[in-house]
Amino acid sequence: MVCVLSDCADVVSSCVIVTTLQANQTGYLEEYQPLTKLPINLWIDDASKAYLSPLIYILGQGEIALKWNGEMIGVRHIR
């Protein structure tokens, strides 16, 4: 199960999407693509697994675009 949280301060201004994989959750985010550009903030908590493509670009906004405490599977390069 993947939880998607949206934090919108103003409808006109930008919206920050945070995808959080909580403990004991598994997420599959375009794991069969050779390249993925994620326009989200990705948070992977302890004891969770994220299956991703070999090359990922984290294009999130805000202070923390990638919080990585669990497992990222299939990733070779992060930009």
PDB file of N, CA and C in Angstrom:
ATOM      1  N   MET A   1       0.843  -1.176   0.000  1.00  0.00           N
ATOM      2  CA  MET A   1       0.000   0.000   0.000  1.00  0.00           C
ATOM      3  C   MET A   1       0.883   1.231   0.000  1.00  0.00           C
ATOM      4  N   VAL A   2       0.549   2.201  -0.823  1.00  0.00           N
ATOM      5  CA  VAL A   2       1.296   3.443  -0.898  1.00  0.00           C
ATOM      6  C   VAL A   2       0.389   4.566  -0.437  1.00  0.00           C
ATOM      7  N   CYS A   3       0.870   5.348   0.505  1.00  0.00           N
ATOM      8  CA  CYS A   3       0.103   6.491   0.986  1.00  0.00           C
ATOM      9  C   CYS A   3       0.585   7.749   0.287  1.00  0.00           C
ATOM     10  N   VAL A   4      -0.327   8.513  -0.269  1.00  0.00           N
ATOM     11  CA  VAL A   4       0.030   9.756  -0.941  1.00  0.00           C
ATOM     12  C   VAL A   4      -0.590  10.890  -0.155  1.00  0.00           C
ATOM     13  N   LEU A   5       0.245  11.793   0.292  1.00  0.00           N
ATOM     14  CA  LEU A   5      -0.210  12.940   1.053  1.00  0.00           C
ATOM     15  C   LEU A   5       0.024  14.206   0.247  1.00  0.00           C
ATOM     16  N   SER A   6      -0.935  15.084   0.246  1.00  0.00           N
ATOM     17  CA  SER A   6      -0.807  16.325  -0.501  1.00  0.00           C
ATOM     18  C   SER A   6      -0.871  17.493   0.475  1.00  0.00           C
ATOM     19  N   ASP A   7       0.085  18.399   0.377  1.00  0.00           N
ATOM     20  CA  ASP A   7       0.148  19.556   1.255  1.00  0.00           C
ATOM     21  C   ASP A   7       0.072  20.809   0.402  1.00  0.00           C
ATOM     22  N   CYS A   8      -1.110  21.359   0.242  1.00  0.00           N
ATOM     23  CA  CYS A   8      -1.300  22.542  -0.607  1.00  0.00           C
ATOM     24  C   CYS A   8      -1.588  23.749   0.268  1.00  0.00           C
ATOM     25  N   ALA A   9      -0.697  24.705   0.263  1.00  0.00           N
ATOM     26  CA  ALA A   9      -0.897  25.917   1.044  1.00  0.00           C
ATOM     27  C   ALA A   9      -1.898  26.842   0.359  1.00  0.00           C
ATOM     28  N   ASP A  10      -1.857  26.910  -0.940  1.00  0.00           N
ATOM     29  CA  ASP A  10      -2.736  27.801  -1.693  1.00  0.00           C
ATOM     30  C   ASP A  10      -3.039  27.120  -3.026  1.00  0.00           C
ATOM     31  N   VAL A  11      -4.242  27.243  -3.493  1.00  0.00           N
ATOM     32  CA  VAL A  11      -4.627  26.591  -4.738  1.00  0.00           C
ATOM     33  C   VAL A  11      -3.819  27.128  -5.913  1.00  0.00           C
ATOM     34  N   VAL A  12      -3.490  28.398  -5.906  1.00  0.00           N
ATOM     35  CA  VAL A  12      -2.753  29.026  -6.997  1.00  0.00           C
ATOM     36  C   VAL A  12      -1.266  28.697  -6.933  1.00  0.00           C
ATOM     37  N   SER A  13      -0.725  28.585  -5.716  1.00  0.00           N
ATOM     38  CA  SER A  13       0.703  28.328  -5.580  1.00  0.00           C
ATOM     39  C   SER A  13       1.023  26.859  -5.834  1.00  0.00           C
ATOM     40  N   SER A  14       2.296  26.509  -5.759  1.00  0.00           N
ATOM     41  CA  SER A  14       2.724  25.139  -6.031  1.00  0.00           C
ATOM     42  C   SER A  14       2.245  24.189  -4.938  1.00  0.00           C
ATOM     43  N   CYS A  15       2.074  22.945  -5.311  1.00  0.00           N
ATOM     44  CA  CYS A  15       1.625  21.912  -4.402  1.00  0.00           C
ATOM     45  C   CYS A  15       2.742  20.880  -4.267  1.00  0.00           C
ATOM     46  N   VAL A  16       3.067  20.498  -3.054  1.00  0.00           N
ATOM     47  CA  VAL A  16       4.114  19.519  -2.803  1.00  0.00           C
ATOM     48  C   VAL A  16       3.454  18.170  -2.526  1.00  0.00           C
ATOM     49  N   ILE A  17       3.812  17.160  -3.324  1.00  0.00           N
ATOM     50  CA  ILE A  17       3.285  15.817  -3.138  1.00  0.00           C
ATOM     51  C   ILE A  17       4.351  14.986  -2.425  1.00  0.00           C
ATOM     52  N   VAL A  18       3.977  14.391  -1.318  1.00  0.00           N
ATOM     53  CA  VAL A  18       4.879  13.529  -0.553  1.00  0.00           C
ATOM     54  C   VAL A  18       4.324  12.110  -0.611  1.00  0.00           C
ATOM     55  N   THR A  19       5.086  11.190  -1.178  1.00  0.00           N
ATOM     56  CA  THR A  19       4.713   9.786  -1.188  1.00  0.00           C
ATOM     57  C   THR A  19       5.504   9.102  -0.092  1.00  0.00           C
ATOM     58  N   THR A  20       4.801   8.539   0.880  1.00  0.00           N
ATOM     59  CA  THR A  20       5.438   7.929   2.034  1.00  0.00           C
ATOM     60  C   THR A  20       5.157   6.436   2.058  1.00  0.00           C
ATOM     61  N   LEU A  21       6.213   5.647   2.114  1.00  0.00           N
ATOM     62  CA  LEU A  21       6.095   4.211   2.348  1.00  0.00           C
ATOM     63  C   LEU A  21       6.372   3.992   3.824  1.00  0.00           C
ATOM     64  N   GLN A  22       5.343   3.616   4.559  1.00  0.00           N
ATOM     65  CA  GLN A  22       5.482   3.420   5.990  1.00  0.00           C
ATOM     66  C   GLN A  22       5.969   2.007   6.280  1.00  0.00           C
ATOM     67  N   ALA A  23       6.255   1.727   7.532  1.00  0.00           N
ATOM     68  CA  ALA A  23       6.809   0.429   7.932  1.00  0.00           C
ATOM     69  C   ALA A  23       5.956  -0.714   7.403  1.00  0.00           C
ATOM     70  N   ASN A  24       6.634  -1.729   6.861  1.00  0.00           N
ATOM     71  CA  ASN A  24       6.016  -2.945   6.337  1.00  0.00           C
ATOM     72  C   ASN A  24       5.166  -2.715   5.091  1.00  0.00           C
ATOM     73  N   GLN A  25       5.376  -1.595   4.380  1.00  0.00           N
ATOM     74  CA  GLN A  25       4.695  -1.357   3.115  1.00  0.00           C
ATOM     75  C   GLN A  25       5.684  -1.543   1.973  1.00  0.00           C
ATOM     76  N   THR A  26       5.173  -1.946   0.806  1.00  0.00           N
ATOM     77  CA  THR A  26       5.989  -2.123  -0.382  1.00  0.00           C
ATOM     78  C   THR A  26       5.395  -1.293  -1.497  1.00  0.00           C
ATOM     79  N   GLY A  27       6.245  -0.504  -2.170  1.00  0.00           N
ATOM     80  CA  GLY A  27       5.789   0.326  -3.279  1.00  0.00           C
ATOM     81  C   GLY A  27       6.525  -0.010  -4.556  1.00  0.00           C
ATOM     82  N   TYR A  28       5.794  -0.011  -5.659  1.00  0.00           N
ATOM     83  CA  TYR A  28       6.365  -0.258  -6.983  1.00  0.00           C
ATOM     84  C   TYR A  28       6.176   1.017  -7.795  1.00  0.00           C
ATOM     85  N   LEU A  29       7.271   1.748  -8.001  1.00  0.00           N
ATOM     86  CA  LEU A  29       7.212   3.030  -8.694  1.00  0.00           C
ATOM     87  C   LEU A  29       7.998   2.942  -9.999  1.00  0.00           C
ATOM     88  N   GLU A  30       7.333   2.557 -11.076  1.00  0.00           N
ATOM     89  CA  GLU A  30       7.937   2.469 -12.403  1.00  0.00           C
ATOM     90  C   GLU A  30       9.216   1.636 -12.405  1.00  0.00           C
ATOM     91  N   GLU A  31       9.178   0.494 -11.742  1.00  0.00           N
ATOM     92  CA  GLU A  31      10.387  -0.315 -11.603  1.00  0.00           C
ATOM     93  C   GLU A  31      10.835  -0.950 -12.906  1.00  0.00           C
ATOM     94  N   TYR A  32       9.979  -1.028 -13.919  1.00  0.00           N
ATOM     95  CA  TYR A  32      10.365  -1.631 -15.194  1.00  0.00           C
ATOM     96  C   TYR A  32      10.831  -0.610 -16.225  1.00  0.00           C
ATOM     97  N   GLN A  33      10.865   0.651 -15.880  1.00  0.00           N
ATOM     98  CA  GLN A  33      11.347   1.699 -16.773  1.00  0.00           C
ATOM     99  C   GLN A  33      12.868   1.841 -16.624  1.00  0.00           C
ATOM    100  N   PRO A  34      13.604   2.131 -17.709  1.00  0.00           N
ATOM    101  CA  PRO A  34      15.056   2.312 -17.573  1.00  0.00           C
ATOM    102  C   PRO A  34      15.421   3.613 -16.858  1.00  0.00           C
ATOM    103  N   LEU A  35      14.524   4.594 -16.905  1.00  0.00           N
ATOM    104  CA  LEU A  35      14.767   5.909 -16.304  1.00  0.00           C
ATOM    105  C   LEU A  35      13.458   6.416 -15.732  1.00  0.00           C
ATOM    106  N   THR A  36      13.507   6.966 -14.535  1.00  0.00           N
ATOM    107  CA  THR A  36      12.325   7.532 -13.905  1.00  0.00           C
ATOM    108  C   THR A  36      12.646   8.915 -13.389  1.00  0.00           C
ATOM    109  N   LYS A  37      11.770   9.865 -13.686  1.00  0.00           N
ATOM    110  CA  LYS A  37      11.864  11.212 -13.125  1.00  0.00           C
ATOM    111  C   LYS A  37      10.654  11.409 -12.231  1.00  0.00           C
ATOM    112  N   LEU A  38      10.884  11.352 -10.928  1.00  0.00           N
ATOM    113  CA  LEU A  38       9.798  11.438  -9.952  1.00  0.00           C
ATOM    114  C   LEU A  38       9.565  12.893  -9.561  1.00  0.00           C
ATOM    115  N   PRO A  39       8.403  13.468  -9.926  1.00  0.00           N
ATOM    116  CA  PRO A  39       8.117  14.859  -9.563  1.00  0.00           C
ATOM    117  C   PRO A  39       7.507  14.956  -8.163  1.00  0.00           C
ATOM    118  N   ILE A  40       7.948  14.083  -7.270  1.00  0.00           N
ATOM    119  CA  ILE A  40       7.387  14.007  -5.921  1.00  0.00           C
ATOM    120  C   ILE A  40       8.515  13.960  -4.903  1.00  0.00           C
ATOM    121  N   ASN A  41       8.171  14.149  -3.654  1.00  0.00           N
ATOM    122  CA  ASN A  41       9.082  13.879  -2.557  1.00  0.00           C
ATOM    123  C   ASN A  41       8.830  12.436  -2.140  1.00  0.00           C
ATOM    124  N   LEU A  42       9.873  11.645  -2.007  1.00  0.00           N
ATOM    125  CA  LEU A  42       9.747  10.229  -1.686  1.00  0.00           C
ATOM    126  C   LEU A  42      10.354   9.964  -0.322  1.00  0.00           C
ATOM    127  N   TRP A  43       9.533   9.464   0.582  1.00  0.00           N
ATOM    128  CA  TRP A  43       9.988   9.128   1.925  1.00  0.00           C
ATOM    129  C   TRP A  43       9.808   7.641   2.124  1.00  0.00           C
ATOM    130  N   ILE A  44      10.900   6.939   2.433  1.00  0.00           N
ATOM    131  CA  ILE A  44      10.893   5.500   2.639  1.00  0.00           C
ATOM    132  C   ILE A  44      11.257   5.247   4.106  1.00  0.00           C
ATOM    133  N   ASP A  45      10.273   4.867   4.892  1.00  0.00           N
ATOM    134  CA  ASP A  45      10.481   4.652   6.323  1.00  0.00           C
ATOM    135  C   ASP A  45      11.155   3.313   6.593  1.00  0.00           C
ATOM    136  N   ASP A  46      11.562   3.111   7.855  1.00  0.00           N
ATOM    137  CA  ASP A  46      12.168   1.843   8.281  1.00  0.00           C
ATOM    138  C   ASP A  46      11.243   0.676   7.964  1.00  0.00           C
ATOM    139  N   ALA A  47      11.825  -0.446   7.585  1.00  0.00           N
ATOM    140  CA  ALA A  47      11.119  -1.708   7.319  1.00  0.00           C
ATOM    141  C   ALA A  47      10.161  -1.626   6.138  1.00  0.00           C
ATOM    142  N   SER A  48      10.352  -0.670   5.230  1.00  0.00           N
ATOM    143  CA  SER A  48       9.538  -0.601   4.014  1.00  0.00           C
ATOM    144  C   SER A  48      10.438  -0.820   2.803  1.00  0.00           C
ATOM    145  N   LYS A  49       9.836  -1.192   1.671  1.00  0.00           N
ATOM    146  CA  LYS A  49      10.592  -1.483   0.453  1.00  0.00           C
ATOM    147  C   LYS A  49      10.027  -0.685  -0.707  1.00  0.00           C
ATOM    148  N   ALA A  50      10.915  -0.112  -1.509  1.00  0.00           N
ATOM    149  CA  ALA A  50      10.517   0.605  -2.716  1.00  0.00           C
ATOM    150  C   ALA A  50      11.244   0.001  -3.902  1.00  0.00           C
ATOM    151  N   TYR A  51      10.495  -0.505  -4.863  1.00  0.00           N
ATOM    152  CA  TYR A  51      11.056  -1.041  -6.105  1.00  0.00           C
ATOM    153  C   TYR A  51      11.042   0.087  -7.125  1.00  0.00           C
ATOM    154  N   LEU A  52      12.238   0.475  -7.598  1.00  0.00           N
ATOM    155  CA  LEU A  52      12.369   1.616  -8.501  1.00  0.00           C
ATOM    156  C   LEU A  52      13.184   1.227  -9.726  1.00  0.00           C
ATOM    157  N   SER A  53      13.214   2.106 -10.719  1.00  0.00           N
ATOM    158  CA  SER A  53      14.007   1.866 -11.930  1.00  0.00           C
ATOM    159  C   SER A  53      15.497   2.026 -11.614  1.00  0.00           C
ATOM    160  N   PRO A  54      16.390   1.527 -12.481  1.00  0.00           N
ATOM    161  CA  PRO A  54      17.832   1.609 -12.216  1.00  0.00           C
ATOM    162  C   PRO A  54      18.372   3.040 -12.111  1.00  0.00           C
ATOM    163  N   LEU A  55      17.803   3.969 -12.847  1.00  0.00           N
ATOM    164  CA  LEU A  55      18.236   5.373 -12.806  1.00  0.00           C
ATOM    165  C   LEU A  55      17.042   6.226 -12.439  1.00  0.00           C
ATOM    166  N   ILE A  56      17.113   6.926 -11.301  1.00  0.00           N
ATOM    167  CA  ILE A  56      16.004   7.779 -10.892  1.00  0.00           C
ATOM    168  C   ILE A  56      16.482   9.204 -10.656  1.00  0.00           C
ATOM    169  N   TYR A  57      15.633  10.141 -11.014  1.00  0.00           N
ATOM    170  CA  TYR A  57      15.808  11.551 -10.714  1.00  0.00           C
ATOM    171  C   TYR A  57      14.724  11.918  -9.716  1.00  0.00           C
ATOM    172  N   ILE A  58      15.109  12.430  -8.566  1.00  0.00           N
ATOM    173  CA  ILE A  58      14.150  12.898  -7.580  1.00  0.00           C
ATOM    174  C   ILE A  58      13.977  14.397  -7.818  1.00  0.00           C
ATOM    175  N   LEU A  59      12.814  14.795  -8.296  1.00  0.00           N
ATOM    176  CA  LEU A  59      12.560  16.188  -8.651  1.00  0.00           C
ATOM    177  C   LEU A  59      11.647  16.859  -7.630  1.00  0.00           C
ATOM    178  N   GLY A  60      11.649  16.383  -6.414  1.00  0.00           N
ATOM    179  CA  GLY A  60      10.747  16.903  -5.390  1.00  0.00           C
ATOM    180  C   GLY A  60      11.050  18.337  -5.020  1.00  0.00           C
ATOM    181  N   GLN A  61      10.117  18.918  -4.316  1.00  0.00           N
ATOM    182  CA  GLN A  61      10.249  20.294  -3.849  1.00  0.00           C
ATOM    183  C   GLN A  61      10.208  20.298  -2.336  1.00  0.00           C
ATOM    184  N   GLY A  62      10.674  21.367  -1.741  1.00  0.00           N
ATOM    185  CA  GLY A  62      10.670  21.466  -0.291  1.00  0.00           C
ATOM    186  C   GLY A  62      12.029  21.111   0.284  1.00  0.00           C
ATOM    187  N   GLU A  63      12.065  20.990   1.596  1.00  0.00           N
ATOM    188  CA  GLU A  63      13.333  20.775   2.283  1.00  0.00           C
ATOM    189  C   GLU A  63      13.885  19.366   2.092  1.00  0.00           C
ATOM    190  N   ILE A  64      13.033  18.341   2.157  1.00  0.00           N
ATOM    191  CA  ILE A  64      13.506  16.962   2.072  1.00  0.00           C
ATOM    192  C   ILE A  64      12.831  16.298   0.876  1.00  0.00           C
ATOM    193  N   ALA A  65      13.574  16.126  -0.206  1.00  0.00           N
ATOM    194  CA  ALA A  65      13.016  15.482  -1.396  1.00  0.00           C
ATOM    195  C   ALA A  65      13.094  13.963  -1.281  1.00  0.00           C
ATOM    196  N   LEU A  66      14.118  13.443  -0.610  1.00  0.00           N
ATOM    197  CA  LEU A  66      14.269  12.005  -0.445  1.00  0.00           C
ATOM    198  C   LEU A  66      14.658  11.706   0.997  1.00  0.00           C
ATOM    199  N   LYS A  67      13.805  10.964   1.675  1.00  0.00           N
ATOM    200  CA  LYS A  67      14.113  10.479   3.022  1.00  0.00           C
ATOM    201  C   LYS A  67      14.184   8.959   2.901  1.00  0.00           C
ATOM    202  N   TRP A  68      15.357   8.386   3.140  1.00  0.00           N
ATOM    203  CA  TRP A  68      15.616   6.989   2.823  1.00  0.00           C
ATOM    204  C   TRP A  68      16.070   6.256   4.067  1.00  0.00           C
ATOM    205  N   ASN A  69      15.150   5.529   4.701  1.00  0.00           N
ATOM    206  CA  ASN A  69      15.478   4.731   5.875  1.00  0.00           C
ATOM    207  C   ASN A  69      15.193   3.249   5.659  1.00  0.00           C
ATOM    208  N   GLY A  70      14.426   2.916   4.631  1.00  0.00           N
ATOM    209  CA  GLY A  70      14.096   1.525   4.332  1.00  0.00           C
ATOM    210  C   GLY A  70      14.967   1.003   3.200  1.00  0.00           C
ATOM    211  N   GLU A  71      14.381   0.144   2.350  1.00  0.00           N
ATOM    212  CA  GLU A  71      15.114  -0.462   1.239  1.00  0.00           C
ATOM    213  C   GLU A  71      14.680   0.140  -0.096  1.00  0.00           C
ATOM    214  N   MET A  72      15.662   0.456  -0.946  1.00  0.00           N
ATOM    215  CA  MET A  72      15.402   0.824  -2.332  1.00  0.00           C
ATOM    216  C   MET A  72      15.970  -0.301  -3.176  1.00  0.00           C
ATOM    217  N   ILE A  73      15.120  -0.980  -3.948  1.00  0.00           N
ATOM    218  CA  ILE A  73      15.508  -2.157  -4.691  1.00  0.00           C
ATOM    219  C   ILE A  73      15.510  -1.845  -6.183  1.00  0.00           C
ATOM    220  N   GLY A  74      16.594  -2.235  -6.864  1.00  0.00           N
ATOM    221  CA  GLY A  74      16.716  -2.053  -8.310  1.00  0.00           C
ATOM    222  C   GLY A  74      17.413  -0.773  -8.725  1.00  0.00           C
ATOM    223  N   VAL A  75      17.741   0.092  -7.794  1.00  0.00           N
ATOM    224  CA  VAL A  75      18.339   1.402  -8.113  1.00  0.00           C
ATOM    225  C   VAL A  75      19.854   1.266  -8.219  1.00  0.00           C
ATOM    226  N   ARG A  76      20.414   1.838  -9.277  1.00  0.00           N
ATOM    227  CA  ARG A  76      21.876   1.883  -9.432  1.00  0.00           C
ATOM    228  C   ARG A  76      22.409   3.303  -9.320  1.00  0.00           C
ATOM    229  N   HIS A  77      21.618   4.281  -9.774  1.00  0.00           N
ATOM    230  CA  HIS A  77      22.048   5.684  -9.722  1.00  0.00           C
ATOM    231  C   HIS A  77      20.874   6.570  -9.296  1.00  0.00           C
ATOM    232  N   ILE A  78      21.164   7.506  -8.411  1.00  0.00           N
ATOM    233  CA  ILE A  78      20.180   8.489  -7.957  1.00  0.00           C
ATOM    234  C   ILE A  78      20.724   9.869  -8.273  1.00  0.00           C
ATOM    235  N   ARG A  79      19.888  10.675  -8.893  1.00  0.00           N
ATOM    236  CA  ARG A  79      20.298  12.065  -9.177  1.00  0.00           C
ATOM    237  C   ARG A  79      19.269  13.010  -8.665  1.00  0.00           C
TER     238      ARG A  79
END
